[in-house]
Amino acid sequence: MGTITIRDLRQRWPEAEARLQKEEELVITRDGRPVARLTRLPDSRPRRLRWDPESHAQQLRRILGPCSLDPIDERLAKDRADRSA
């Protein structure tokens, strides 16, 4: 458990937040006297899964049906080739 002054909390919030990641609790002081406690909240949100292009393509095929899902790079290359010709 660490301590931090109200002034430091206001003026140096990023440092206080970093300290709070390491320590469970910070005591906030004014004129050397404790006035409040700052604690971390547990992360209750489930972690998001990374985006998977293959599963995204499967979802698009399921929703859109049998349409062309060729990569955008191929279409851009074709479009640029048409412009230069």
Protein backbone atom coordinates (compact mmCIF):
# COMPACT_ATOMS: atom_id res chain seq x y z
CA MET A 1 0.00 0.00 0.00
CA GLY A 2 1.54 3.29 -1.12
CA THR A 3 0.69 6.90 -0.45
CA ILE A 4 0.20 9.84 -2.77
CA THR A 5 -0.74 13.45 -2.14
CA ILE A 6 -3.82 15.03 -3.64
CA ARG A 7 -1.63 17.43 -5.61
CA ASP A 8 0.42 14.59 -7.10
CA LEU A 9 -2.76 12.73 -7.93
CA ARG A 10 -4.13 15.72 -9.84
CA GLN A 11 -0.92 16.75 -11.57
CA ARG A 12 0.61 13.33 -12.24
CA TRP A 13 -2.32 11.05 -12.90
CA PRO A 14 -0.49 8.77 -15.39
CA GLU A 15 2.21 8.04 -12.80
CA ALA A 16 -0.42 7.40 -10.13
CA GLU A 17 -2.28 5.07 -12.45
CA ALA A 18 0.94 3.17 -13.20
CA ARG A 19 1.62 2.83 -9.47
CA LEU A 20 -1.91 1.56 -8.94
CA GLN A 21 -1.25 -1.19 -11.47
CA LYS A 22 1.66 -2.39 -9.33
CA GLU A 23 0.11 -1.80 -5.91
CA GLU A 24 -3.34 -2.90 -4.81
CA GLU A 25 -4.19 0.36 -3.05
CA LEU A 26 -2.97 3.95 -2.71
CA VAL A 27 -3.72 6.17 0.29
CA ILE A 28 -4.39 9.77 -0.69
CA THR A 29 -3.07 12.33 1.77
CA ARG A 30 -3.62 16.02 2.40
CA ASP A 31 -1.19 17.84 4.69
CA GLY A 32 0.29 14.49 5.69
CA ARG A 33 -3.05 13.06 6.83
CA PRO A 34 -4.84 10.25 5.01
CA VAL A 35 -8.14 11.39 3.48
CA ALA A 36 -9.06 8.63 1.03
CA ARG A 37 -8.09 5.28 -0.46
CA LEU A 38 -7.77 4.59 -4.16
CA THR A 39 -8.14 0.93 -5.13
CA ARG A 40 -8.17 -0.99 -8.37
CA LEU A 41 -11.41 -2.42 -9.64
CA PRO A 42 -11.28 -6.01 -10.78
CA ASP A 43 -11.40 -6.35 -14.54
CA SER A 44 -14.89 -7.77 -14.96
CA ARG A 45 -15.00 -7.46 -18.74
CA PRO A 46 -14.25 -10.62 -20.65
CA ARG A 47 -11.16 -10.38 -22.82
CA ARG A 48 -11.93 -9.78 -26.46
CA LEU A 49 -10.72 -12.40 -28.85
CA ARG A 50 -8.34 -11.31 -31.57
CA TRP A 51 -9.90 -10.70 -34.96
CA ASP A 52 -9.66 -13.78 -37.14
CA PRO A 53 -9.95 -13.04 -40.87
CA GLU A 54 -10.89 -16.61 -41.75
CA SER A 55 -13.82 -16.78 -39.32
CA HIS A 56 -14.89 -13.32 -40.52
CA ALA A 57 -14.89 -14.56 -44.11
CA GLN A 58 -16.97 -17.57 -43.05
CA GLN A 59 -19.51 -15.27 -41.40
CA LEU A 60 -19.70 -13.13 -44.54
CA ARG A 61 -20.23 -16.21 -46.71
CA ARG A 62 -22.99 -17.38 -44.38
CA ILE A 63 -24.70 -13.96 -44.41
CA LEU A 64 -24.14 -12.89 -48.03
CA GLY A 65 -24.30 -16.26 -49.69
CA PRO A 66 -22.20 -17.27 -52.67
CA CYS A 67 -20.61 -13.97 -53.61
CA SER A 68 -17.05 -13.11 -54.43
CA LEU A 69 -14.89 -12.43 -51.40
CA ASP A 70 -11.63 -11.96 -53.24
CA PRO A 71 -9.05 -10.01 -51.27
CA ILE A 72 -9.03 -6.27 -51.71
CA ASP A 73 -5.37 -6.35 -52.81
CA GLU A 74 -6.30 -8.28 -55.93
CA ARG A 75 -9.09 -5.86 -56.81
CA LEU A 76 -6.84 -2.85 -56.21
CA ALA A 77 -4.11 -4.31 -58.40
CA LYS A 78 -6.63 -4.97 -61.16
CA ASP A 79 -8.04 -1.45 -60.89
CA ARG A 80 -4.58 0.12 -60.99
CA ALA A 81 -3.62 -2.00 -63.99
CA ASP A 82 -6.75 -0.81 -65.79
CA ARG A 83 -5.82 2.83 -65.11
CA SER A 84 -2.31 2.54 -66.46
CA ALA A 85 -3.41 0.81 -69.67
